[in-house]
């Protein structure tokens, strides 16, 4: 994915995780994915000098 796509996905997940109907299993899986995406965003920021 490109940087912008990852940022959109990251922000969407941050919002989606707050839904009241999420089970603990779903939240765990979604938080894990959010960490992976955040790490990718951070790598791309560093690689391309994005602040």
N, C-alpha and C. Protein backbone atom coordinates (compact mmCIF):
# COMPACT_ATOMS: atom_id res chain seq x y z
N UNK A 1 0.84 -1.19 0.00
CA UNK A 1 0.00 0.00 0.00
C UNK A 1 0.88 1.24 0.00
N UNK A 2 0.34 2.29 -0.52
CA UNK A 2 1.01 3.57 -0.51
C UNK A 2 0.78 4.26 0.83
N UNK A 3 1.61 5.26 1.11
CA UNK A 3 1.54 5.99 2.37
C UNK A 3 0.13 6.53 2.64
N UNK A 4 -0.45 7.21 1.65
CA UNK A 4 -1.76 7.81 1.84
C UNK A 4 -2.82 6.75 2.13
N UNK A 5 -2.75 5.63 1.43
CA UNK A 5 -3.70 4.54 1.66
C UNK A 5 -3.55 3.97 3.07
N UNK A 6 -2.32 3.83 3.51
CA UNK A 6 -2.09 3.32 4.87
C UNK A 6 -2.60 4.30 5.92
N UNK A 7 -2.40 5.60 5.69
CA UNK A 7 -2.90 6.61 6.64
C UNK A 7 -4.43 6.56 6.72
N UNK A 8 -5.08 6.43 5.59
CA UNK A 8 -6.55 6.35 5.57
C UNK A 8 -7.01 5.10 6.31
N UNK A 9 -6.35 3.98 6.06
CA UNK A 9 -6.69 2.73 6.73
C UNK A 9 -6.47 2.85 8.23
N UNK A 10 -5.36 3.45 8.61
CA UNK A 10 -5.04 3.65 10.03
C UNK A 10 -6.12 4.47 10.72
N UNK A 11 -6.49 5.59 10.12
CA UNK A 11 -7.50 6.45 10.73
C UNK A 11 -8.87 5.78 10.77
N UNK A 12 -9.17 5.01 9.74
CA UNK A 12 -10.44 4.28 9.72
C UNK A 12 -10.49 3.25 10.85
N UNK A 13 -9.40 2.52 11.02
CA UNK A 13 -9.34 1.53 12.10
C UNK A 13 -9.45 2.18 13.47
N UNK A 14 -8.76 3.31 13.64
CA UNK A 14 -8.83 4.01 14.93
C UNK A 14 -10.27 4.36 15.27
N UNK A 15 -11.03 4.77 14.29
CA UNK A 15 -12.44 5.10 14.50
C UNK A 15 -13.28 3.84 14.70
N UNK A 16 -13.05 2.84 13.86
CA UNK A 16 -13.84 1.60 13.87
C UNK A 16 -13.72 0.85 15.20
N UNK A 17 -12.54 0.88 15.78
CA UNK A 17 -12.29 0.17 17.04
C UNK A 17 -13.16 0.71 18.18
N UNK A 18 -13.61 1.92 18.06
CA UNK A 18 -14.41 2.54 19.13
C UNK A 18 -15.88 2.13 19.13
N UNK A 19 -16.29 1.30 18.17
CA UNK A 19 -17.71 0.94 18.09
C UNK A 19 -18.12 0.14 19.33
N UNK A 20 -19.30 0.37 19.83
CA UNK A 20 -19.74 -0.27 21.07
C UNK A 20 -20.05 -1.77 20.93
N UNK A 21 -20.26 -2.24 19.73
CA UNK A 21 -20.67 -3.64 19.54
C UNK A 21 -19.50 -4.60 19.33
N UNK A 22 -18.27 -4.08 19.38
CA UNK A 22 -17.10 -4.93 19.12
C UNK A 22 -16.89 -5.92 20.26
N UNK A 23 -16.58 -7.15 19.91
CA UNK A 23 -16.24 -8.15 20.92
C UNK A 23 -14.78 -7.99 21.32
N UNK A 24 -14.40 -8.59 22.42
CA UNK A 24 -13.00 -8.49 22.86
C UNK A 24 -12.06 -9.14 21.85
N UNK A 25 -12.50 -10.22 21.22
CA UNK A 25 -11.68 -10.87 20.19
C UNK A 25 -11.49 -9.95 18.99
N UNK A 26 -12.56 -9.33 18.55
CA UNK A 26 -12.46 -8.39 17.42
C UNK A 26 -11.52 -7.23 17.77
N UNK A 27 -11.68 -6.69 18.94
CA UNK A 27 -10.82 -5.58 19.36
C UNK A 27 -9.36 -5.98 19.40
N UNK A 28 -9.09 -7.15 19.88
CA UNK A 28 -7.72 -7.65 19.94
C UNK A 28 -7.12 -7.76 18.54
N UNK A 29 -7.87 -8.36 17.63
CA UNK A 29 -7.40 -8.52 16.25
C UNK A 29 -7.22 -7.18 15.56
N UNK A 30 -8.15 -6.27 15.79
CA UNK A 30 -8.10 -4.96 15.15
C UNK A 30 -6.96 -4.12 15.71
N UNK A 31 -6.72 -4.21 17.01
CA UNK A 31 -5.58 -3.48 17.60
C UNK A 31 -4.26 -4.00 17.06
N UNK A 32 -4.17 -5.31 16.89
CA UNK A 32 -2.96 -5.91 16.33
C UNK A 32 -2.73 -5.39 14.90
N UNK A 33 -3.77 -5.35 14.11
CA UNK A 33 -3.66 -4.83 12.75
C UNK A 33 -3.30 -3.35 12.77
N UNK A 34 -3.87 -2.59 13.69
CA UNK A 34 -3.57 -1.17 13.79
C UNK A 34 -2.09 -0.94 14.11
N UNK A 35 -1.54 -1.76 14.97
CA UNK A 35 -0.11 -1.65 15.30
C UNK A 35 0.73 -1.92 14.04
N UNK A 36 0.37 -2.96 13.29
CA UNK A 36 1.12 -3.28 12.07
C UNK A 36 1.05 -2.13 11.06
N UNK A 37 -0.13 -1.58 10.88
CA UNK A 37 -0.29 -0.48 9.93
C UNK A 37 0.45 0.76 10.41
N UNK A 38 0.36 1.05 11.69
CA UNK A 38 1.07 2.21 12.25
C UNK A 38 2.57 2.06 12.04
N UNK A 39 3.09 0.86 12.22
CA UNK A 39 4.51 0.63 12.00
C UNK A 39 4.89 0.87 10.54
N UNK A 40 4.05 0.42 9.62
CA UNK A 40 4.31 0.65 8.20
C UNK A 40 4.28 2.14 7.86
N UNK A 41 3.32 2.85 8.42
CA UNK A 41 3.23 4.30 8.21
C UNK A 41 4.50 4.97 8.72
N UNK A 42 4.94 4.58 9.90
CA UNK A 42 6.15 5.17 10.48
C UNK A 42 7.38 4.89 9.62
N UNK A 43 7.48 3.68 9.08
CA UNK A 43 8.62 3.33 8.20
C UNK A 43 8.61 4.20 6.95
N UNK A 44 7.43 4.36 6.35
CA UNK A 44 7.33 5.18 5.15
C UNK A 44 7.63 6.65 5.44
N UNK A 45 7.17 7.13 6.59
CA UNK A 45 7.47 8.51 6.99
C UNK A 45 8.98 8.72 7.07
N UNK A 46 9.64 7.78 7.73
CA UNK A 46 11.09 7.89 7.89
C UNK A 46 11.81 7.79 6.55
N UNK A 47 11.40 6.83 5.75
CA UNK A 47 12.05 6.59 4.46
C UNK A 47 11.92 7.80 3.52
N UNK A 48 10.77 8.46 3.58
CA UNK A 48 10.49 9.56 2.64
C UNK A 48 10.58 10.94 3.29
N UNK A 49 11.01 11.01 4.54
CA UNK A 49 11.18 12.29 5.21
C UNK A 49 9.88 13.05 5.41
N UNK A 50 8.82 12.31 5.71
CA UNK A 50 7.50 12.92 5.94
C UNK A 50 7.34 13.20 7.43
N UNK A 51 6.87 14.41 7.73
CA UNK A 51 6.66 14.77 9.15
C UNK A 51 5.24 14.64 9.54
